[in-house]
N, C-alpha and C. Protein backbone atom coordinates (compact mmCIF):
# COMPACT_ATOMS: atom_id res chain seq x y z
N MET A 1 0.85 -1.20 0.00
CA MET A 1 0.00 0.00 0.00
C MET A 1 0.89 1.24 0.00
N GLY A 2 0.65 2.21 -0.94
CA GLY A 2 1.46 3.40 -1.03
C GLY A 2 1.25 4.34 0.14
N MET A 3 2.17 5.31 0.29
CA MET A 3 2.11 6.25 1.40
C MET A 3 0.82 7.07 1.37
N VAL A 4 0.40 7.51 0.17
CA VAL A 4 -0.82 8.31 0.05
C VAL A 4 -2.03 7.50 0.51
N ALA A 5 -2.08 6.23 0.07
CA ALA A 5 -3.20 5.37 0.46
C ALA A 5 -3.21 5.14 1.97
N VAL A 6 -2.03 4.96 2.54
CA VAL A 6 -1.93 4.76 4.00
C VAL A 6 -2.44 5.99 4.73
N ASN A 7 -2.02 7.17 4.28
CA ASN A 7 -2.47 8.41 4.93
C ASN A 7 -3.98 8.59 4.81
N GLU A 8 -4.54 8.26 3.65
CA GLU A 8 -5.98 8.35 3.47
C GLU A 8 -6.71 7.39 4.38
N PHE A 9 -6.16 6.18 4.54
CA PHE A 9 -6.78 5.19 5.43
C PHE A 9 -6.78 5.68 6.87
N ILE A 10 -5.63 6.23 7.30
CA ILE A 10 -5.53 6.73 8.67
C ILE A 10 -6.51 7.87 8.90
N PHE A 11 -6.61 8.78 7.91
CA PHE A 11 -7.51 9.92 8.04
C PHE A 11 -8.97 9.46 8.12
N MET A 12 -9.37 8.51 7.27
CA MET A 12 -10.74 8.03 7.28
C MET A 12 -11.05 7.31 8.59
N ARG A 13 -10.07 6.56 9.11
CA ARG A 13 -10.29 5.89 10.40
C ARG A 13 -10.45 6.91 11.51
N TYR A 14 -9.65 7.99 11.44
CA TYR A 14 -9.76 9.07 12.43
C TYR A 14 -11.15 9.70 12.38
N LEU A 15 -11.64 9.98 11.17
CA LEU A 15 -12.97 10.58 11.03
C LEU A 15 -14.05 9.66 11.58
N PHE A 16 -13.90 8.35 11.32
CA PHE A 16 -14.90 7.40 11.79
C PHE A 16 -14.98 7.38 13.31
N PHE A 17 -13.84 7.24 13.97
CA PHE A 17 -13.84 7.15 15.43
C PHE A 17 -14.21 8.48 16.08
N THR A 18 -13.78 9.60 15.46
CA THR A 18 -14.16 10.90 15.99
C THR A 18 -15.65 11.11 15.88
N SER A 19 -16.21 10.74 14.72
CA SER A 19 -17.65 10.88 14.52
C SER A 19 -18.41 10.01 15.53
N PHE A 20 -17.95 8.79 15.73
CA PHE A 20 -18.60 7.89 16.68
C PHE A 20 -18.57 8.47 18.08
N PHE A 21 -17.43 9.08 18.45
CA PHE A 21 -17.26 9.67 19.78
C PHE A 21 -18.26 10.80 20.01
N PHE A 22 -18.35 11.72 19.04
CA PHE A 22 -19.22 12.87 19.23
C PHE A 22 -20.70 12.51 19.12
N ILE A 23 -21.03 11.55 18.26
CA ILE A 23 -22.41 11.11 18.19
C ILE A 23 -22.85 10.52 19.52
N ASN A 24 -21.97 9.76 20.16
CA ASN A 24 -22.30 9.20 21.48
C ASN A 24 -22.46 10.29 22.52
N ILE A 25 -21.64 11.35 22.44
CA ILE A 25 -21.75 12.42 23.42
C ILE A 25 -23.06 13.17 23.27
N PHE A 26 -23.38 13.56 22.04
CA PHE A 26 -24.50 14.47 21.85
C PHE A 26 -25.84 13.77 21.68
N PHE A 27 -25.86 12.46 21.50
CA PHE A 27 -27.12 11.76 21.37
C PHE A 27 -27.35 10.73 22.47
N ASN A 28 -26.46 10.67 23.44
CA ASN A 28 -26.63 9.78 24.57
C ASN A 28 -27.30 10.56 25.70
N PRO A 29 -28.57 10.26 26.04
CA PRO A 29 -29.29 11.03 27.05
C PRO A 29 -28.56 11.07 28.39
N ALA A 30 -27.83 10.01 28.72
CA ALA A 30 -27.15 9.97 30.02
C ALA A 30 -26.05 11.00 30.10
N MET A 31 -25.54 11.47 28.93
CA MET A 31 -24.45 12.43 28.90
C MET A 31 -24.91 13.80 28.43
N ALA A 32 -26.23 14.00 28.35
CA ALA A 32 -26.76 15.25 27.81
C ALA A 32 -26.41 16.43 28.69
N THR A 33 -26.12 17.55 28.05
CA THR A 33 -25.84 18.80 28.74
C THR A 33 -27.13 19.59 28.84
N GLU A 34 -27.40 20.14 30.02
CA GLU A 34 -28.64 20.89 30.22
C GLU A 34 -28.65 22.15 29.37
N GLU A 35 -29.82 22.44 28.79
CA GLU A 35 -30.03 23.65 28.01
C GLU A 35 -31.23 24.41 28.58
N PRO A 36 -31.30 25.73 28.33
CA PRO A 36 -32.44 26.51 28.85
C PRO A 36 -33.76 25.98 28.30
N GLU A 37 -34.78 26.00 29.12
CA GLU A 37 -36.08 25.53 28.70
C GLU A 37 -36.82 26.62 27.92
N PHE A 38 -37.48 26.21 26.84
CA PHE A 38 -38.28 27.16 26.08
C PHE A 38 -39.47 26.45 25.44
N LYS A 39 -40.45 27.25 25.08
CA LYS A 39 -41.61 26.76 24.33
C LYS A 39 -41.39 27.09 22.87
N LEU A 40 -41.43 26.09 22.00
CA LEU A 40 -41.27 26.31 20.57
C LEU A 40 -42.60 26.77 20.01
N ILE A 41 -42.66 28.04 19.62
CA ILE A 41 -43.90 28.63 19.12
C ILE A 41 -44.09 28.34 17.64
N LEU A 42 -43.00 28.42 16.88
CA LEU A 42 -43.09 28.23 15.43
C LEU A 42 -41.75 27.75 14.90
N GLU A 43 -41.78 26.89 13.88
CA GLU A 43 -40.57 26.44 13.21
C GLU A 43 -40.80 26.48 11.71
N GLU A 44 -39.93 27.21 11.01
CA GLU A 44 -40.01 27.32 9.56
C GLU A 44 -38.61 27.13 8.98
N GLY A 45 -38.32 25.93 8.52
CA GLY A 45 -36.99 25.65 7.98
C GLY A 45 -35.92 25.85 9.04
N GLU A 46 -34.95 26.75 8.76
CA GLU A 46 -33.87 27.00 9.70
C GLU A 46 -34.22 28.04 10.77
N PHE A 47 -35.45 28.56 10.74
CA PHE A 47 -35.87 29.57 11.69
C PHE A 47 -36.79 28.97 12.76
N GLN A 48 -36.67 29.49 13.98
CA GLN A 48 -37.56 29.12 15.07
C GLN A 48 -37.95 30.37 15.85
N ILE A 49 -39.15 30.33 16.41
CA ILE A 49 -39.57 31.35 17.38
C ILE A 49 -39.75 30.64 18.70
N ARG A 50 -39.02 31.11 19.73
CA ARG A 50 -39.01 30.44 21.03
C ARG A 50 -39.40 31.42 22.13
N GLU A 51 -40.10 30.90 23.12
CA GLU A 51 -40.37 31.67 24.33
C GLU A 51 -39.65 30.98 25.49
N TYR A 52 -38.64 31.65 26.03
CA TYR A 52 -37.81 31.07 27.08
C TYR A 52 -38.40 31.29 28.46
N GLU A 53 -38.20 30.29 29.33
CA GLU A 53 -38.56 30.42 30.73
C GLU A 53 -37.59 31.40 31.41
N PRO A 54 -37.99 32.01 32.53
CA PRO A 54 -37.04 32.83 33.31
C PRO A 54 -35.82 31.99 33.68
N LYS A 55 -34.66 32.64 33.76
CA LYS A 55 -33.42 31.91 34.03
C LYS A 55 -32.44 32.81 34.77
N ILE A 56 -31.40 32.19 35.29
CA ILE A 56 -30.31 32.91 35.95
C ILE A 56 -29.06 32.71 35.11
N ILE A 57 -28.33 33.80 34.88
CA ILE A 57 -27.09 33.70 34.09
C ILE A 57 -25.91 34.22 34.90
N ALA A 58 -24.73 33.70 34.59
CA ALA A 58 -23.47 34.26 35.06
C ALA A 58 -22.86 34.98 33.86
N GLN A 59 -22.51 36.25 34.04
CA GLN A 59 -22.14 37.08 32.90
C GLN A 59 -20.86 37.87 33.17
N VAL A 60 -20.05 38.03 32.11
CA VAL A 60 -18.87 38.90 32.16
C VAL A 60 -18.89 39.82 30.95
N GLU A 61 -18.24 40.96 31.07
CA GLU A 61 -18.05 41.88 29.95
C GLU A 61 -16.56 41.95 29.63
N ILE A 62 -16.22 41.71 28.36
CA ILE A 62 -14.82 41.56 27.96
C ILE A 62 -14.51 42.45 26.76
N ASP A 63 -13.36 43.14 26.83
CA ASP A 63 -12.86 43.90 25.68
C ASP A 63 -12.03 42.98 24.79
N GLY A 64 -12.05 43.23 23.49
CA GLY A 64 -11.21 42.47 22.58
C GLY A 64 -11.97 42.02 21.35
N ASP A 65 -11.27 41.39 20.42
CA ASP A 65 -11.96 40.86 19.24
C ASP A 65 -12.73 39.60 19.62
N PHE A 66 -13.45 39.06 18.65
CA PHE A 66 -14.36 37.95 18.93
C PHE A 66 -13.65 36.77 19.58
N ASP A 67 -12.53 36.34 18.99
CA ASP A 67 -11.82 35.17 19.51
C ASP A 67 -11.20 35.43 20.88
N GLU A 68 -10.59 36.59 21.05
CA GLU A 68 -9.97 36.94 22.34
C GLU A 68 -11.01 37.01 23.44
N ALA A 69 -12.11 37.71 23.15
CA ALA A 69 -13.16 37.88 24.15
C ALA A 69 -13.81 36.54 24.49
N SER A 70 -14.01 35.72 23.46
CA SER A 70 -14.62 34.41 23.67
C SER A 70 -13.77 33.56 24.60
N SER A 71 -12.46 33.53 24.35
CA SER A 71 -11.55 32.72 25.16
C SER A 71 -11.47 33.24 26.60
N LYS A 72 -11.26 34.54 26.76
CA LYS A 72 -11.13 35.11 28.10
C LYS A 72 -12.43 35.00 28.89
N GLY A 73 -13.53 35.29 28.23
CA GLY A 73 -14.82 35.20 28.91
C GLY A 73 -15.15 33.79 29.35
N PHE A 74 -14.87 32.82 28.47
CA PHE A 74 -15.12 31.42 28.83
C PHE A 74 -14.29 31.02 30.04
N LYS A 75 -13.03 31.42 30.07
CA LYS A 75 -12.15 31.04 31.18
C LYS A 75 -12.65 31.63 32.50
N LEU A 76 -13.09 32.89 32.48
CA LEU A 76 -13.59 33.51 33.71
C LEU A 76 -14.85 32.82 34.21
N LEU A 77 -15.75 32.50 33.30
CA LEU A 77 -17.00 31.85 33.70
C LEU A 77 -16.75 30.40 34.12
N ALA A 78 -15.84 29.71 33.42
CA ALA A 78 -15.49 28.34 33.81
C ALA A 78 -14.85 28.32 35.19
N ASP A 79 -14.00 29.29 35.47
CA ASP A 79 -13.37 29.41 36.78
C ASP A 79 -14.43 29.53 37.87
N TYR A 80 -15.47 30.30 37.60
CA TYR A 80 -16.57 30.45 38.57
C TYR A 80 -17.30 29.13 38.80
N ILE A 81 -17.71 28.45 37.72
CA ILE A 81 -18.51 27.24 37.93
C ILE A 81 -17.65 26.07 38.42
N PHE A 82 -16.34 26.11 38.19
CA PHE A 82 -15.48 25.02 38.66
C PHE A 82 -15.08 25.17 40.12
N GLY A 83 -15.53 26.26 40.78
CA GLY A 83 -15.32 26.32 42.22
C GLY A 83 -14.82 27.63 42.78
N ASN A 84 -14.53 28.62 41.94
CA ASN A 84 -14.11 29.92 42.47
C ASN A 84 -15.36 30.71 42.86
N ASN A 85 -16.03 30.22 43.88
CA ASN A 85 -17.29 30.79 44.33
C ASN A 85 -17.48 30.47 45.81
N ILE A 86 -18.54 30.98 46.39
CA ILE A 86 -18.77 30.72 47.81
C ILE A 86 -20.27 30.68 48.11
N LEU A 87 -20.64 29.74 48.95
CA LEU A 87 -22.00 29.61 49.46
C LEU A 87 -21.92 29.07 50.87
N GLU A 88 -22.35 29.89 51.83
CA GLU A 88 -22.32 29.50 53.25
C GLU A 88 -20.93 29.04 53.66
N GLY A 89 -19.92 29.80 53.24
CA GLY A 89 -18.55 29.54 53.67
C GLY A 89 -17.81 28.47 52.92
N ASP A 90 -18.42 27.91 51.88
CA ASP A 90 -17.78 26.82 51.14
C ASP A 90 -17.93 27.07 49.64
N SER A 91 -17.09 26.42 48.83
CA SER A 91 -17.20 26.52 47.38
C SER A 91 -17.97 25.31 46.85
N GLN A 92 -18.43 25.43 45.62
CA GLN A 92 -19.26 24.38 45.05
C GLN A 92 -19.06 24.34 43.54
N LYS A 93 -18.96 23.15 42.98
CA LYS A 93 -18.87 23.00 41.54
C LYS A 93 -20.27 23.05 40.94
N ILE A 94 -20.43 23.81 39.86
CA ILE A 94 -21.71 23.97 39.18
C ILE A 94 -21.62 23.29 37.82
N SER A 95 -22.64 22.54 37.46
CA SER A 95 -22.62 21.82 36.18
C SER A 95 -22.59 22.78 35.01
N MET A 96 -21.83 22.39 33.98
CA MET A 96 -21.78 23.17 32.75
C MET A 96 -23.08 23.00 31.98
N THR A 97 -23.56 24.09 31.39
CA THR A 97 -24.74 24.03 30.54
C THR A 97 -24.36 24.51 29.14
N ALA A 98 -25.29 24.44 28.22
CA ALA A 98 -25.11 24.97 26.87
C ALA A 98 -26.34 25.81 26.53
N PRO A 99 -26.18 26.84 25.71
CA PRO A 99 -24.97 27.26 24.99
C PRO A 99 -24.16 28.29 25.77
N VAL A 100 -22.99 28.65 25.20
CA VAL A 100 -22.27 29.85 25.62
C VAL A 100 -22.79 30.98 24.73
N GLU A 101 -23.24 32.06 25.35
CA GLU A 101 -23.87 33.14 24.60
C GLU A 101 -22.97 34.39 24.59
N MET A 102 -22.88 35.04 23.42
CA MET A 102 -22.10 36.27 23.28
C MET A 102 -22.94 37.33 22.60
N SER A 103 -22.88 38.56 23.14
CA SER A 103 -23.60 39.68 22.55
C SER A 103 -22.66 40.87 22.43
N PRO A 104 -22.67 41.60 21.30
CA PRO A 104 -21.84 42.79 21.17
C PRO A 104 -22.39 43.92 22.04
N LEU A 105 -21.49 44.77 22.56
CA LEU A 105 -21.91 45.86 23.44
C LEU A 105 -21.69 47.24 22.84
N ALA A 106 -21.21 47.31 21.60
CA ALA A 106 -21.05 48.61 20.96
C ALA A 106 -22.42 49.27 20.79
N GLU A 107 -22.44 50.60 20.86
CA GLU A 107 -23.70 51.33 20.75
C GLU A 107 -24.10 51.51 19.29
N ASN A 108 -25.42 51.67 19.09
CA ASN A 108 -25.98 52.01 17.77
C ASN A 108 -25.66 50.97 16.69
N LEU A 109 -25.61 49.70 17.08
CA LEU A 109 -25.37 48.64 16.10
C LEU A 109 -26.66 48.31 15.35
N LEU A 110 -26.53 48.13 14.04
CA LEU A 110 -27.63 47.60 13.26
C LEU A 110 -27.60 46.08 13.33
N MET A 111 -28.73 45.44 13.01
CA MET A 111 -28.78 43.99 13.10
C MET A 111 -27.78 43.32 12.17
N THR A 112 -27.49 43.96 11.05
CA THR A 112 -26.56 43.37 10.09
C THR A 112 -25.16 43.98 10.19
N SER A 113 -24.87 44.70 11.28
CA SER A 113 -23.53 45.27 11.46
C SER A 113 -22.47 44.18 11.51
N SER A 114 -21.30 44.50 11.04
CA SER A 114 -20.19 43.54 11.04
C SER A 114 -19.56 43.52 12.44
N ILE A 115 -20.21 42.83 13.37
CA ILE A 115 -19.83 42.93 14.78
C ILE A 115 -18.49 42.27 15.09
N MET A 116 -17.94 41.48 14.17
CA MET A 116 -16.63 40.88 14.40
C MET A 116 -15.49 41.76 13.90
N ASP A 117 -15.84 42.93 13.36
CA ASP A 117 -14.85 43.91 12.95
C ASP A 117 -14.51 44.78 14.16
N ASP A 118 -13.23 44.82 14.56
CA ASP A 118 -12.82 45.59 15.74
C ASP A 118 -13.17 47.06 15.65
N ASP A 119 -13.22 47.59 14.43
CA ASP A 119 -13.55 49.01 14.27
C ASP A 119 -15.02 49.29 14.55
N ILE A 120 -15.84 48.24 14.55
CA ILE A 120 -17.27 48.40 14.79
C ILE A 120 -17.64 47.97 16.20
N ASN A 121 -17.05 46.89 16.66
CA ASN A 121 -17.35 46.38 18.00
C ASN A 121 -16.11 45.72 18.61
N ASN A 122 -15.75 46.11 19.82
CA ASN A 122 -14.63 45.46 20.50
C ASN A 122 -14.92 45.22 21.98
N LYS A 123 -16.22 45.09 22.29
CA LYS A 123 -16.61 44.76 23.66
C LYS A 123 -17.79 43.81 23.61
N TRP A 124 -17.72 42.79 24.46
CA TRP A 124 -18.70 41.71 24.41
C TRP A 124 -19.25 41.38 25.79
N SER A 125 -20.49 40.96 25.80
CA SER A 125 -21.10 40.34 26.98
C SER A 125 -21.14 38.83 26.72
N ILE A 126 -20.63 38.05 27.67
CA ILE A 126 -20.56 36.59 27.52
C ILE A 126 -21.22 35.96 28.74
N ASN A 127 -22.05 34.96 28.53
CA ASN A 127 -22.72 34.36 29.69
C ASN A 127 -22.94 32.87 29.56
N PHE A 128 -22.99 32.23 30.73
CA PHE A 128 -23.47 30.86 30.89
C PHE A 128 -24.84 30.94 31.56
N VAL A 129 -25.75 30.06 31.14
CA VAL A 129 -27.02 29.91 31.85
C VAL A 129 -26.81 28.94 33.00
N MET A 130 -27.30 29.28 34.17
CA MET A 130 -27.13 28.42 35.34
C MET A 130 -28.14 27.26 35.31
N PRO A 131 -27.76 26.10 35.83
CA PRO A 131 -28.71 24.97 35.88
C PRO A 131 -30.00 25.37 36.58
N LYS A 132 -31.10 24.81 36.09
CA LYS A 132 -32.42 25.24 36.58
C LYS A 132 -32.68 24.85 38.03
N GLU A 133 -31.83 23.99 38.60
CA GLU A 133 -32.02 23.60 40.00
C GLU A 133 -31.76 24.76 40.96
N TYR A 134 -31.06 25.82 40.49
CA TYR A 134 -30.65 26.89 41.38
C TYR A 134 -31.64 28.06 41.38
N THR A 135 -31.70 28.73 42.54
CA THR A 135 -32.35 30.03 42.66
C THR A 135 -31.26 31.02 43.04
N LEU A 136 -31.60 32.30 43.13
CA LEU A 136 -30.62 33.28 43.56
C LEU A 136 -30.14 33.01 44.98
N ASP A 137 -30.99 32.38 45.79
CA ASP A 137 -30.61 32.08 47.18
C ASP A 137 -29.71 30.87 47.29
N THR A 138 -29.82 29.92 46.36
CA THR A 138 -29.05 28.67 46.48
C THR A 138 -27.83 28.64 45.56
N LEU A 139 -27.71 29.62 44.66
CA LEU A 139 -26.58 29.64 43.74
C LEU A 139 -25.36 30.24 44.43
N PRO A 140 -24.20 29.57 44.37
CA PRO A 140 -22.98 30.14 44.93
C PRO A 140 -22.64 31.48 44.28
N MET A 141 -22.13 32.40 45.04
CA MET A 141 -21.75 33.71 44.53
C MET A 141 -20.29 33.69 44.06
N PRO A 142 -19.98 34.37 42.96
CA PRO A 142 -18.59 34.37 42.46
C PRO A 142 -17.64 35.13 43.37
N ASN A 143 -16.43 34.63 43.50
CA ASN A 143 -15.40 35.37 44.23
C ASN A 143 -14.80 36.48 43.36
N ASN A 144 -14.86 36.30 42.06
CA ASN A 144 -14.35 37.29 41.11
C ASN A 144 -15.43 38.32 40.83
N SER A 145 -15.15 39.58 41.10
CA SER A 145 -16.16 40.63 40.92
C SER A 145 -16.50 40.88 39.46
N GLU A 146 -15.68 40.37 38.52
CA GLU A 146 -16.00 40.52 37.10
C GLU A 146 -17.19 39.66 36.69
N VAL A 147 -17.47 38.62 37.45
CA VAL A 147 -18.58 37.72 37.14
C VAL A 147 -19.84 38.23 37.84
N LYS A 148 -20.86 38.54 37.07
CA LYS A 148 -22.12 39.04 37.60
C LYS A 148 -23.20 37.96 37.50
N ILE A 149 -24.02 37.87 38.53
CA ILE A 149 -25.15 36.94 38.52
C ILE A 149 -26.42 37.75 38.28
N ILE A 150 -27.18 37.37 37.24
CA ILE A 150 -28.33 38.15 36.81
C ILE A 150 -29.54 37.24 36.60
N LYS A 151 -30.68 37.67 37.10
CA LYS A 151 -31.93 36.94 36.85
C LYS A 151 -32.60 37.54 35.63
N VAL A 152 -32.89 36.69 34.64
CA VAL A 152 -33.45 37.13 33.37
C VAL A 152 -34.92 36.69 33.30
N PRO A 153 -35.84 37.60 32.97
CA PRO A 153 -37.25 37.20 32.89
C PRO A 153 -37.53 36.40 31.63
N SER A 154 -38.76 35.96 31.49
CA SER A 154 -39.18 35.25 30.28
C SER A 154 -38.96 36.14 29.07
N GLU A 155 -38.42 35.54 27.97
CA GLU A 155 -38.13 36.30 26.76
C GLU A 155 -38.52 35.50 25.53
N LYS A 156 -38.82 36.23 24.45
CA LYS A 156 -39.16 35.59 23.18
C LYS A 156 -38.08 35.94 22.16
N TYR A 157 -37.63 34.94 21.41
CA TYR A 157 -36.55 35.13 20.43
C TYR A 157 -36.92 34.54 19.08
N VAL A 158 -36.42 35.19 18.03
CA VAL A 158 -36.35 34.58 16.71
C VAL A 158 -34.93 34.04 16.56
N VAL A 159 -34.82 32.80 16.09
CA VAL A 159 -33.54 32.10 16.07
C VAL A 159 -33.29 31.51 14.68
N ILE A 160 -32.06 31.60 14.21
CA ILE A 160 -31.65 30.87 13.01
C ILE A 160 -30.54 29.90 13.40
N LEU A 161 -30.64 28.66 12.93
CA LEU A 161 -29.71 27.59 13.30
C LEU A 161 -28.74 27.33 12.15
N PHE A 162 -27.49 27.02 12.48
CA PHE A 162 -26.51 26.66 11.46
C PHE A 162 -25.35 25.90 12.09
N SER A 163 -24.56 25.24 11.27
CA SER A 163 -23.41 24.48 11.74
C SER A 163 -22.13 25.15 11.27
N GLY A 164 -20.99 24.55 11.62
CA GLY A 164 -19.70 25.08 11.20
C GLY A 164 -19.12 26.05 12.21
N LEU A 165 -18.10 26.78 11.78
CA LEU A 165 -17.44 27.77 12.62
C LEU A 165 -18.17 29.11 12.52
N VAL A 166 -18.19 29.85 13.62
CA VAL A 166 -18.76 31.20 13.60
C VAL A 166 -17.65 32.15 13.17
N ARG A 167 -17.72 32.60 11.95
CA ARG A 167 -16.74 33.52 11.39
C ARG A 167 -17.48 34.67 10.70
N GLU A 168 -16.73 35.66 10.26
CA GLU A 168 -17.34 36.85 9.67
C GLU A 168 -18.27 36.50 8.51
N SER A 169 -17.82 35.57 7.64
CA SER A 169 -18.63 35.22 6.47
C SER A 169 -19.93 34.54 6.87
N SER A 170 -19.85 33.55 7.77
CA SER A 170 -21.06 32.84 8.18
C SER A 170 -21.99 33.76 8.96
N TYR A 171 -21.41 34.63 9.79
CA TYR A 171 -22.24 35.56 10.56
C TYR A 171 -22.97 36.52 9.61
N ALA A 172 -22.26 37.06 8.61
CA ALA A 172 -22.86 38.02 7.69
C ALA A 172 -24.03 37.38 6.93
N GLU A 173 -23.81 36.14 6.47
CA GLU A 173 -24.87 35.45 5.72
C GLU A 173 -26.09 35.20 6.59
N LYS A 174 -25.88 34.64 7.77
CA LYS A 174 -27.00 34.26 8.63
C LYS A 174 -27.70 35.48 9.25
N SER A 175 -26.94 36.52 9.58
CA SER A 175 -27.56 37.70 10.16
C SER A 175 -28.46 38.41 9.14
N GLU A 176 -28.04 38.39 7.88
CA GLU A 176 -28.89 38.99 6.84
C GLU A 176 -30.17 38.20 6.66
N LEU A 177 -30.05 36.87 6.64
CA LEU A 177 -31.25 36.03 6.54
C LEU A 177 -32.19 36.27 7.73
N LEU A 178 -31.61 36.36 8.92
CA LEU A 178 -32.42 36.57 10.12
C LEU A 178 -33.09 37.94 10.08
N SER A 179 -32.34 38.96 9.68
CA SER A 179 -32.91 40.31 9.58
C SER A 179 -34.06 40.34 8.58
N ASN A 180 -33.89 39.71 7.44
CA ASN A 180 -34.95 39.68 6.42
C ASN A 180 -36.18 38.94 6.93
N TYR A 181 -35.96 37.86 7.68
CA TYR A 181 -37.09 37.09 8.22
C TYR A 181 -37.87 37.93 9.23
N ILE A 182 -37.17 38.65 10.07
CA ILE A 182 -37.83 39.50 11.07
C ILE A 182 -38.64 40.60 10.39
N LYS A 183 -38.07 41.22 9.37
CA LYS A 183 -38.79 42.28 8.64
C LYS A 183 -40.01 41.72 7.91
N ALA A 184 -39.85 40.56 7.28
CA ALA A 184 -40.95 39.97 6.50
C ALA A 184 -42.13 39.60 7.38
N ASN A 185 -41.86 39.30 8.65
CA ASN A 185 -42.92 38.89 9.57
C ASN A 185 -43.35 40.01 10.51
N ASN A 186 -42.85 41.22 10.26
CA ASN A 186 -43.24 42.41 11.03
C ASN A 186 -43.01 42.26 12.53
N PHE A 187 -41.92 41.57 12.89
CA PHE A 187 -41.54 41.49 14.30
C PHE A 187 -40.79 42.77 14.69
N MET A 188 -40.87 43.12 15.97
CA MET A 188 -40.14 44.26 16.49
C MET A 188 -38.92 43.76 17.25
N ALA A 189 -37.73 43.94 16.68
CA ALA A 189 -36.50 43.46 17.31
C ALA A 189 -36.15 44.30 18.53
N GLN A 190 -35.65 43.64 19.57
CA GLN A 190 -35.23 44.30 20.80
C GLN A 190 -33.72 44.10 20.95
N GLY A 191 -32.93 45.07 20.51
CA GLY A 191 -31.49 44.93 20.63
C GLY A 191 -30.88 44.25 19.42
N THR A 192 -29.60 43.92 19.54
CA THR A 192 -28.87 43.33 18.42
C THR A 192 -28.85 41.81 18.53
N ILE A 193 -28.07 41.17 17.67
CA ILE A 193 -28.06 39.71 17.60
C ILE A 193 -27.17 39.11 18.69
N LYS A 194 -27.63 38.01 19.26
CA LYS A 194 -26.85 37.22 20.21
C LYS A 194 -26.34 35.97 19.51
N ILE A 195 -25.09 35.61 19.76
CA ILE A 195 -24.49 34.40 19.19
C ILE A 195 -24.50 33.31 20.26
N ALA A 196 -25.05 32.16 19.93
CA ALA A 196 -25.10 31.03 20.85
C ALA A 196 -24.35 29.85 20.24
N ARG A 197 -23.38 29.33 21.00
CA ARG A 197 -22.58 28.18 20.54
C ARG A 197 -22.70 27.05 21.55
N TYR A 198 -22.96 25.84 21.05
CA TYR A 198 -23.33 24.72 21.91
C TYR A 198 -22.23 23.70 22.14
N ASN A 199 -21.13 23.79 21.44
CA ASN A 199 -20.13 22.71 21.48
C ASN A 199 -18.79 23.19 21.99
N PRO A 200 -18.00 22.29 22.58
CA PRO A 200 -16.64 22.66 23.00
C PRO A 200 -15.76 22.96 21.80
N PRO A 201 -14.68 23.71 22.00
CA PRO A 201 -13.87 24.20 20.88
C PRO A 201 -13.18 23.11 20.07
N TRP A 202 -13.01 21.91 20.63
CA TRP A 202 -12.35 20.84 19.86
C TRP A 202 -13.32 20.08 18.95
N THR A 203 -14.60 20.44 18.96
CA THR A 203 -15.58 19.77 18.12
C THR A 203 -15.31 20.08 16.64
N LEU A 204 -15.37 19.06 15.80
CA LEU A 204 -15.19 19.27 14.38
C LEU A 204 -16.26 20.21 13.83
N PRO A 205 -15.91 21.08 12.88
CA PRO A 205 -16.85 22.10 12.41
C PRO A 205 -18.21 21.56 11.98
N PHE A 206 -18.23 20.42 11.26
CA PHE A 206 -19.53 19.95 10.75
C PHE A 206 -20.39 19.33 11.83
N PHE A 207 -19.86 19.17 13.06
CA PHE A 207 -20.67 18.71 14.18
C PHE A 207 -21.16 19.87 15.05
N ARG A 208 -20.70 21.07 14.77
CA ARG A 208 -21.01 22.20 15.64
C ARG A 208 -22.43 22.71 15.42
N ARG A 209 -23.04 23.11 16.52
CA ARG A 209 -24.38 23.68 16.48
C ARG A 209 -24.28 25.13 16.95
N ASN A 210 -24.71 26.04 16.09
CA ASN A 210 -24.68 27.46 16.41
C ASN A 210 -26.05 28.07 16.15
N GLU A 211 -26.31 29.19 16.79
CA GLU A 211 -27.54 29.92 16.57
C GLU A 211 -27.26 31.42 16.67
N LEU A 212 -27.98 32.19 15.84
CA LEU A 212 -28.08 33.63 16.02
C LEU A 212 -29.48 33.91 16.52
N MET A 213 -29.58 34.76 17.53
CA MET A 213 -30.85 34.98 18.23
C MET A 213 -31.13 36.48 18.35
N VAL A 214 -32.36 36.86 18.13
CA VAL A 214 -32.79 38.25 18.32
C VAL A 214 -34.05 38.25 19.16
N LYS A 215 -34.02 39.03 20.25
CA LYS A 215 -35.21 39.15 21.10
C LYS A 215 -36.27 39.99 20.40
N ILE A 216 -37.50 39.56 20.49
CA ILE A 216 -38.61 40.29 19.91
C ILE A 216 -39.65 40.56 20.99
N ASP A 217 -40.54 41.53 20.73
CA ASP A 217 -41.56 41.85 21.74
C ASP A 217 -42.78 40.95 21.59
């Protein structure tokens, strides 16, 4: 067997076992990651309208470009849920949930603004949703003052789903589709687009689940 054929065989075997691994993670109920509860009001192709239950989030605000802010924000929030917190004199590990949510904080952004361009936006809000078992009274408080705990009321969102990496090109395409859908249905958008990512960073692009979300009234 030639070197090229050997390399192709190794690559295909890698894809097979990697695919098997991730399918078991994301489709095995025993290993499922908790997600925020919502009522699905409407589904049309890649678009959904959801009404979310009230929830508690841990949130940080980070300066930097998309990748820098994403990495730093994730580390700060992970540090909090992994035990840098306090409740009745002790620390506690909090289960990881999905998705990780990012929202741009620049002022006067349009829905189709190029938010990954540093000249347009260089500050982000990043949050984890806390497991539903917690209330404000039972949730450990962060030791790091950069991490804020916020109770969010019930909200309604228009959502577009897609896979792959979240990059400028994919964001531009999906944000335009989402904006057109909102206009066509005469929804009133509340704020700019939120980016929701459901998978760890080592997940292969074609297994990734992403969403762009806009709150509506």
